[in-house]
Amino acid sequence: MYIQKIIISISLLFISIDTLAKEKLIFAVDIVRHGERTPEITIPKAQHQWPEGIGQLTARGMRQEFELGASLRKKYIHKYHLLPKYYRVDTMKVFSTDCDRTLMSAQAILLGLYPLGTGPFLPNNKPSLPNAYQPIPIYIKPFADFGKKTLLQIFEKHIFSRADWRKKNIELKDKCKRWSLATGLNIDNISWLAPLGDALSIYRLHHIPAPTGLSLKDINEIIAVGRWAFITGYQTKELANIMGQTILANIVDYLQKASSQTTPLKYVLFSGHDTTIGSIMTLLQKPLDVSPPYAANVNFALFKIDNDKYVVKTSYNGKPVIIPGCGTKICTLEQFIKIASHTK
């Protein structure tokens, strides 16, 4: 009984300390993958006419991003009061890669964040735009600066030369020849299985017939190896550096400026790709084991604690990310800057 009282007392003490440490969200950054899209390649022996086009956002993808935006509204406007109820141009910035699906994903997120009815009204109390729609600018920003030659050099030096990669290439050589005949694609390296596996998984999702020359076992193997090939590439620091270093440096800059409280900016949204998220997680020394799903989200939140301390909380799809070097779910701003600055 005495021990139980001690345990209860200690628990109440921790609750009391936690309560005393008041925290206020003062800045946030979200890196979001686009929503569900159509395949990026055409399978010659199982062609399907996608009304949206190749590599385009689907209706389901739009809905995924809209729902994410609605959840961000609950978080940033209703829970933390970080953003105003009605859009103000000085409080947020939105960036996207120069790609239809990421630009459309950003638009869908923003429609959830500032839905119909929140837009401006004319003096006669009529909405400026139908249904009081709120337009928000989206800036095109390349998240990395490299050429195809540089990318190929990194793949050849750091990925294609790996022992496990070479082993799989040898093991699957005969199957790749057979799969080439079945699909009409020239599969001369398992790197080709990433886009093919992606296409087949989308075919399956939409109940579209796969090439008749592929068995169910073949399809499952192509999808599995394709996913392995993709994530293996973005677990490689050399590739992650050129794909994610620029955006991570931007995040550090935003957090530092926010801590100085010299800017009204409160929120930044980056609309990108699975490659963006995979690279960022690798640079944070938390490489992913599986590819980021559609509408995946990496969040960086800057909190002010007890009026004089700044901490950064990082999460992936709503779950805390414990960054090595911090040791807990929370990094001090100084720790985060140091870790992010030494990722190269």
Protein backbone atom coordinates (compact mmCIF):
# COMPACT_ATOMS: atom_id res chain seq x y z
CA MET A 1 0.00 0.00 0.00
CA TYR A 2 2.87 2.34 0.93
CA ILE A 3 4.63 1.59 -2.39
CA GLN A 4 1.43 2.29 -4.32
CA LYS A 5 1.14 5.71 -2.63
CA ILE A 6 4.73 6.53 -3.62
CA ILE A 7 4.05 5.54 -7.23
CA ILE A 8 0.90 7.69 -7.32
CA SER A 9 2.77 10.64 -5.79
CA ILE A 10 5.58 10.36 -8.35
CA SER A 11 3.03 10.14 -11.18
CA LEU A 12 1.25 13.27 -9.94
CA LEU A 13 4.59 15.05 -9.67
CA PHE A 14 5.40 14.32 -13.33
CA ILE A 15 1.91 15.42 -14.37
CA SER A 16 2.36 18.63 -12.38
CA ILE A 17 5.77 19.35 -13.96
CA ASP A 18 4.38 18.64 -17.44
CA THR A 19 1.47 20.96 -16.81
CA LEU A 20 3.75 23.76 -15.62
CA ALA A 21 5.77 23.58 -18.86
CA LYS A 22 3.37 25.57 -21.01
CA GLU A 23 4.00 25.26 -24.73
CA LYS A 24 2.77 27.38 -27.60
CA LEU A 25 2.97 26.44 -31.28
CA ILE A 26 4.56 29.37 -33.08
CA PHE A 27 5.53 27.87 -36.45
CA ALA A 28 4.95 24.72 -38.52
CA VAL A 29 6.17 23.16 -41.74
CA ASP A 30 4.47 20.30 -43.58
CA ILE A 31 6.05 18.30 -46.40
CA VAL A 32 3.29 16.38 -48.16
CA ARG A 33 3.38 13.77 -50.89
CA HIS A 34 0.82 14.18 -53.65
CA GLY A 35 -2.36 12.11 -53.55
CA GLU A 36 -3.14 8.96 -55.51
CA ARG A 37 -2.07 9.24 -59.16
CA THR A 38 -2.23 7.24 -62.35
CA PRO A 39 0.87 5.22 -63.40
CA GLU A 40 3.91 7.09 -64.69
CA ILE A 41 4.52 4.54 -67.44
CA THR A 42 2.38 2.74 -70.02
CA ILE A 43 2.53 -1.06 -70.14
CA PRO A 44 2.52 -1.80 -73.91
CA LYS A 45 0.83 -5.22 -73.55
CA ALA A 46 -1.78 -4.04 -71.07
CA GLN A 47 -2.54 -0.52 -72.20
CA HIS A 48 -5.21 1.41 -70.37
CA GLN A 49 -6.54 4.82 -71.30
CA TRP A 50 -6.51 6.92 -68.16
CA PRO A 51 -8.91 9.86 -68.61
CA GLU A 52 -6.70 11.93 -66.32
CA GLY A 53 -3.55 11.15 -68.32
CA ILE A 54 -0.25 9.52 -67.29
CA GLY A 55 1.11 10.39 -63.85
CA GLN A 56 -1.88 12.57 -62.97
CA LEU A 57 -3.82 13.03 -59.75
CA THR A 58 -6.96 10.90 -59.55
CA ALA A 59 -10.30 11.86 -58.01
CA ARG A 60 -9.41 9.72 -54.99
CA GLY A 61 -6.06 11.51 -54.77
CA MET A 62 -7.81 14.88 -54.70
CA ARG A 63 -10.04 13.67 -51.89
CA GLN A 64 -7.07 12.38 -49.87
CA GLU A 65 -5.43 15.79 -49.98
CA PHE A 66 -8.66 17.67 -49.25
CA GLU A 67 -9.20 15.55 -46.13
CA LEU A 68 -5.61 16.19 -45.07
CA GLY A 69 -6.22 19.92 -45.48
CA ALA A 70 -9.37 19.67 -43.34
CA SER A 71 -7.37 17.95 -40.59
CA LEU A 72 -4.74 20.70 -40.80
CA ARG A 73 -7.51 23.29 -40.34
CA LYS A 74 -8.62 21.57 -37.13
CA LYS A 75 -5.01 21.45 -35.95
CA TYR A 76 -3.69 24.88 -36.87
CA ILE A 77 -6.80 27.03 -36.66
CA HIS A 78 -9.04 25.42 -34.04
CA LYS A 79 -6.61 23.62 -31.72
CA TYR A 80 -3.42 25.71 -31.71
CA HIS A 81 -4.74 29.01 -33.13
CA LEU A 82 -1.57 29.24 -35.21
CA LEU A 83 -3.36 30.45 -38.32
CA PRO A 84 -6.24 32.93 -38.56
CA LYS A 85 -9.75 31.72 -39.27
CA TYR A 86 -9.69 33.58 -42.57
CA TYR A 87 -6.68 33.52 -44.88
CA ARG A 88 -4.07 36.26 -44.54
CA VAL A 89 -1.30 36.45 -47.09
CA ASP A 90 1.46 37.21 -44.57
CA THR A 91 0.83 34.15 -42.39
CA MET A 92 1.62 31.29 -44.78
CA LYS A 93 3.59 30.26 -47.87
CA VAL A 94 2.84 27.33 -50.17
CA PHE A 95 5.39 25.71 -52.45
CA SER A 96 5.14 22.89 -54.98
CA THR A 97 7.34 21.19 -57.50
CA ASP A 98 6.58 22.05 -61.13
CA CYS A 99 4.35 19.02 -61.60
CA ASP A 100 0.61 18.78 -62.25
CA ARG A 101 -0.08 16.28 -59.46
CA THR A 102 1.79 18.23 -56.78
CA LEU A 103 0.25 21.55 -57.79
CA MET A 104 -3.24 20.02 -57.80
CA SER A 105 -2.54 18.32 -54.46
CA ALA A 106 -1.56 21.66 -52.95
CA GLN A 107 -4.81 23.19 -54.25
CA ALA A 108 -6.84 20.37 -52.69
CA ILE A 109 -5.06 20.72 -49.34
CA LEU A 110 -5.69 24.47 -49.32
CA LEU A 111 -9.38 23.93 -50.07
CA GLY A 112 -9.54 21.80 -46.93
CA LEU A 113 -7.51 24.30 -44.90
CA TYR A 114 -9.58 27.29 -46.06
CA PRO A 115 -12.84 25.77 -47.35
CA LEU A 116 -15.65 27.31 -49.35
CA GLY A 117 -17.30 30.08 -47.38
CA THR A 118 -14.07 31.50 -45.97
CA GLY A 119 -13.21 33.68 -48.97
CA PRO A 120 -13.66 37.47 -49.23
CA PHE A 121 -16.97 39.27 -49.71
CA LEU A 122 -17.86 42.34 -51.71
CA PRO A 123 -19.30 45.50 -50.05
CA ASN A 124 -22.81 44.34 -50.96
CA ASN A 125 -22.22 41.20 -48.87
CA LYS A 126 -21.94 38.97 -51.91
CA PRO A 127 -18.94 36.61 -52.15
CA SER A 128 -16.17 37.77 -54.48
CA LEU A 129 -16.00 34.30 -56.01
CA PRO A 130 -18.64 31.54 -56.25
CA ASN A 131 -19.29 29.87 -52.90
CA ALA A 132 -16.89 32.33 -51.24
CA TYR A 133 -13.88 30.43 -52.55
CA GLN A 134 -10.52 31.60 -51.17
CA PRO A 135 -7.71 31.60 -53.76
CA ILE A 136 -4.23 31.11 -52.27
CA PRO A 137 -0.97 31.54 -54.21
CA ILE A 138 1.22 28.48 -54.82
CA TYR A 139 4.86 29.05 -55.69
CA ILE A 140 6.77 26.63 -57.90
CA LYS A 141 10.01 25.69 -56.22
CA PRO A 142 12.51 23.00 -57.24
CA PHE A 143 13.33 21.02 -54.10
CA ALA A 144 16.69 19.89 -55.50
CA ASP A 145 19.20 21.16 -58.02
CA PHE A 146 20.75 18.42 -60.11
CA GLY A 147 20.78 17.05 -63.64
CA LYS A 148 19.91 13.61 -64.95
CA LYS A 149 23.61 12.93 -65.47
CA THR A 150 24.34 13.58 -61.78
CA LEU A 151 21.45 11.36 -60.73
CA LEU A 152 22.62 8.52 -62.97
CA GLN A 153 26.16 8.84 -61.62
CA ILE A 154 24.92 8.52 -58.04
CA PHE A 155 22.81 5.48 -58.90
CA GLU A 156 25.71 3.79 -60.67
CA LYS A 157 28.25 4.56 -57.94
CA HIS A 158 26.21 4.11 -54.76
CA ILE A 159 23.19 1.93 -55.62
CA PHE A 160 23.74 -0.26 -58.69
CA SER A 161 27.14 -1.26 -57.28
CA ARG A 162 25.73 -2.50 -53.96
CA ALA A 163 26.21 -6.21 -53.29
CA ASP A 164 22.51 -6.80 -52.55
CA TRP A 165 21.49 -4.92 -55.71
CA ARG A 166 23.90 -6.90 -57.91
CA LYS A 167 22.74 -10.15 -56.30
CA LYS A 168 19.07 -9.42 -57.05
CA ASN A 169 19.92 -8.43 -60.61
CA ILE A 170 21.62 -11.79 -61.15
CA GLU A 171 18.87 -13.77 -59.41
CA LEU A 172 16.11 -12.11 -61.45
CA LYS A 173 17.90 -11.94 -64.81
CA ASP A 174 15.89 -14.75 -66.43
CA LYS A 175 12.63 -13.55 -64.90
CA CYS A 176 13.28 -10.02 -66.16
CA LYS A 177 13.62 -11.41 -69.69
CA ARG A 178 10.29 -13.22 -69.34
CA TRP A 179 8.63 -10.18 -67.78
CA SER A 180 9.93 -8.04 -70.64
CA LEU A 181 8.17 -10.31 -73.14
CA ALA A 182 4.98 -10.31 -71.08
CA THR A 183 4.80 -6.52 -70.67
CA GLY A 184 6.47 -5.20 -73.82
CA LEU A 185 8.99 -3.27 -71.72
CA ASN A 186 12.77 -3.62 -71.93
CA ILE A 187 13.56 -4.63 -68.33
CA ASP A 188 17.36 -4.83 -68.33
CA ASN A 189 17.82 -3.80 -64.68
CA ILE A 190 15.73 -4.27 -61.54
CA SER A 191 15.47 -0.47 -61.33
CA TRP A 192 12.81 -0.88 -64.05
CA LEU A 193 10.72 -2.92 -61.62
CA ALA A 194 10.01 0.18 -59.49
CA PRO A 195 7.83 1.97 -62.10
CA LEU A 196 6.43 -1.33 -63.39
CA GLY A 197 5.54 -2.52 -59.88
CA ASP A 198 3.98 0.86 -59.17
CA ALA A 199 1.87 0.62 -62.34
CA LEU A 200 0.75 -2.93 -61.53
CA SER A 201 -0.24 -1.95 -57.98
CA ILE A 202 -2.33 0.91 -59.40
CA TYR A 203 -3.90 -1.46 -61.94
CA ARG A 204 -4.84 -3.72 -59.04
CA LEU A 205 -6.22 -0.82 -57.02
CA HIS A 206 -8.49 0.17 -59.91
CA HIS A 207 -9.39 -3.43 -60.91
CA ILE A 208 -7.71 -3.12 -64.31
CA PRO A 209 -6.49 -6.36 -65.96
CA ALA A 210 -2.72 -6.89 -65.86
CA PRO A 211 -0.75 -8.34 -68.81
CA THR A 212 -2.01 -11.86 -69.52
CA GLY A 213 1.57 -13.19 -69.56
CA LEU A 214 2.05 -12.40 -65.88
CA SER A 215 0.86 -14.77 -63.17
CA LEU A 216 -0.38 -13.56 -59.79
CA LYS A 217 2.95 -14.73 -58.34
CA ASP A 218 4.83 -12.71 -60.98
CA ILE A 219 2.83 -9.58 -60.21
CA ASN A 220 3.35 -9.89 -56.46
CA GLU A 221 7.09 -10.40 -56.94
CA ILE A 222 7.44 -7.45 -59.33
CA ILE A 223 5.59 -5.16 -56.90
CA ALA A 224 7.67 -6.35 -53.93
CA VAL A 225 11.04 -6.03 -55.69
CA GLY A 226 10.01 -2.69 -57.20
CA ARG A 227 9.19 -1.28 -53.77
CA TRP A 228 12.49 -2.62 -52.42
CA ALA A 229 14.41 -1.03 -55.29
CA PHE A 230 12.76 2.34 -54.70
CA ILE A 231 13.23 2.53 -50.95
CA THR A 232 16.78 1.15 -51.15
CA GLY A 233 17.71 4.08 -53.37
CA TYR A 234 16.36 6.69 -50.97
CA GLN A 235 17.94 5.04 -47.94
CA THR A 236 21.26 5.95 -49.59
CA LYS A 237 22.65 9.14 -48.05
CA GLU A 238 24.36 10.30 -51.26
CA LEU A 239 21.03 10.29 -53.11
CA ALA A 240 19.14 11.72 -50.13
CA ASN A 241 21.60 14.61 -49.99
CA ILE A 242 20.90 15.91 -53.48
CA MET A 243 17.16 15.25 -53.19
CA GLY A 244 16.52 16.61 -49.70
CA GLN A 245 19.34 18.86 -48.54
CA THR A 246 17.93 22.06 -50.07
CA ILE A 247 14.50 21.67 -48.51
CA LEU A 248 15.96 20.72 -45.11
CA ALA A 249 18.14 23.84 -45.19
CA ASN A 250 15.01 25.89 -45.99
CA ILE A 251 13.21 24.37 -43.00
CA VAL A 252 16.08 25.28 -40.67
CA ASP A 253 16.03 28.85 -42.00
CA TYR A 254 12.28 29.16 -41.42
CA LEU A 255 12.51 27.82 -37.86
CA GLN A 256 15.38 30.16 -36.98
CA LYS A 257 13.53 33.20 -38.30
CA ALA A 258 10.35 32.15 -36.49
CA SER A 259 12.23 31.88 -33.18
CA SER A 260 13.46 35.45 -33.60
CA GLN A 261 9.80 36.53 -33.92
CA THR A 262 10.69 39.10 -36.59
CA THR A 263 8.25 37.78 -39.19
CA PRO A 264 4.46 37.31 -39.24
CA LEU A 265 4.93 34.04 -41.20
CA LYS A 266 3.48 31.09 -39.25
CA TYR A 267 3.21 28.20 -41.68
CA VAL A 268 4.90 26.72 -44.74
CA LEU A 269 3.52 23.90 -46.90
CA PHE A 270 5.68 21.97 -49.38
CA SER A 271 3.82 19.77 -51.88
CA GLY A 272 6.23 17.15 -53.18
CA HIS A 273 6.83 13.49 -53.89
CA ASP A 274 7.68 10.19 -52.22
CA THR A 275 11.30 10.95 -53.16
CA THR A 276 11.10 14.21 -51.19
CA ILE A 277 9.85 12.51 -48.04
CA GLY A 278 12.14 9.48 -48.38
CA SER A 279 15.18 11.77 -48.69
CA ILE A 280 14.22 13.96 -45.73
CA MET A 281 13.72 10.95 -43.46
CA THR A 282 17.10 9.52 -44.45
CA LEU A 283 18.80 12.85 -43.73
CA LEU A 284 17.16 12.85 -40.29
CA GLN A 285 18.74 9.40 -39.75
CA LYS A 286 15.28 7.79 -39.73
CA PRO A 287 15.22 6.09 -43.16
CA LEU A 288 11.90 4.55 -44.14
CA ASP A 289 11.50 0.80 -44.61
CA VAL A 290 8.56 1.18 -46.98
CA SER A 291 7.65 3.83 -49.54
CA PRO A 292 5.64 6.82 -48.29
CA PRO A 293 1.94 6.34 -49.04
CA TYR A 294 -0.08 8.87 -51.00
CA ALA A 295 -0.65 12.08 -49.01
CA ALA A 296 2.14 11.12 -46.58
CA ASN A 297 3.13 14.00 -44.34
CA VAL A 298 6.34 14.98 -42.50
CA ASN A 299 5.67 17.73 -39.98
CA PHE A 300 8.08 20.05 -38.20
CA ALA A 301 6.52 22.06 -35.37
CA LEU A 302 8.32 24.80 -33.44
CA PHE A 303 7.01 25.29 -29.90
CA LYS A 304 7.87 27.99 -27.40
CA ILE A 305 8.05 26.65 -23.85
CA ASP A 306 7.88 28.72 -20.68
CA ASN A 307 8.31 31.91 -22.73
CA ASP A 308 12.03 31.48 -23.35
CA LYS A 309 12.80 28.02 -24.75
CA TYR A 310 12.21 26.71 -28.27
CA VAL A 311 11.78 23.06 -29.15
CA VAL A 312 11.07 21.18 -32.38
CA LYS A 313 8.71 18.23 -32.62
CA THR A 314 8.91 16.11 -35.75
CA SER A 315 6.26 13.64 -36.87
CA TYR A 316 5.63 11.35 -39.82
CA ASN A 317 2.00 10.63 -40.68
CA GLY A 318 0.99 11.82 -37.23
CA LYS A 319 3.47 9.66 -35.29
CA PRO A 320 6.41 11.23 -33.41
CA VAL A 321 9.85 10.83 -34.97
CA ILE A 322 12.65 10.37 -32.45
CA ILE A 323 15.67 11.92 -34.15
CA PRO A 324 19.06 10.45 -33.15
CA GLY A 325 20.99 13.15 -31.34
CA CYS A 326 17.95 14.39 -29.45
CA GLY A 327 17.08 11.17 -27.66
CA THR A 328 13.40 12.00 -27.12
CA LYS A 329 10.36 13.07 -29.12
CA ILE A 330 11.51 16.66 -28.67
CA CYS A 331 14.66 18.40 -29.94
CA THR A 332 15.75 21.76 -28.69
CA LEU A 333 15.93 24.20 -31.58
CA GLU A 334 19.72 24.25 -31.21
CA GLN A 335 19.90 20.43 -31.39
CA PHE A 336 17.71 20.32 -34.47
CA ILE A 337 19.72 23.00 -36.28
CA LYS A 338 22.96 21.19 -35.47
CA ILE A 339 21.64 17.82 -36.70
CA ALA A 340 20.12 19.29 -39.88
CA SER A 341 23.28 21.27 -40.62
CA HIS A 342 25.51 18.17 -40.42
CA THR A 343 23.55 15.87 -42.72
CA LYS A 344 25.92 16.20 -45.67
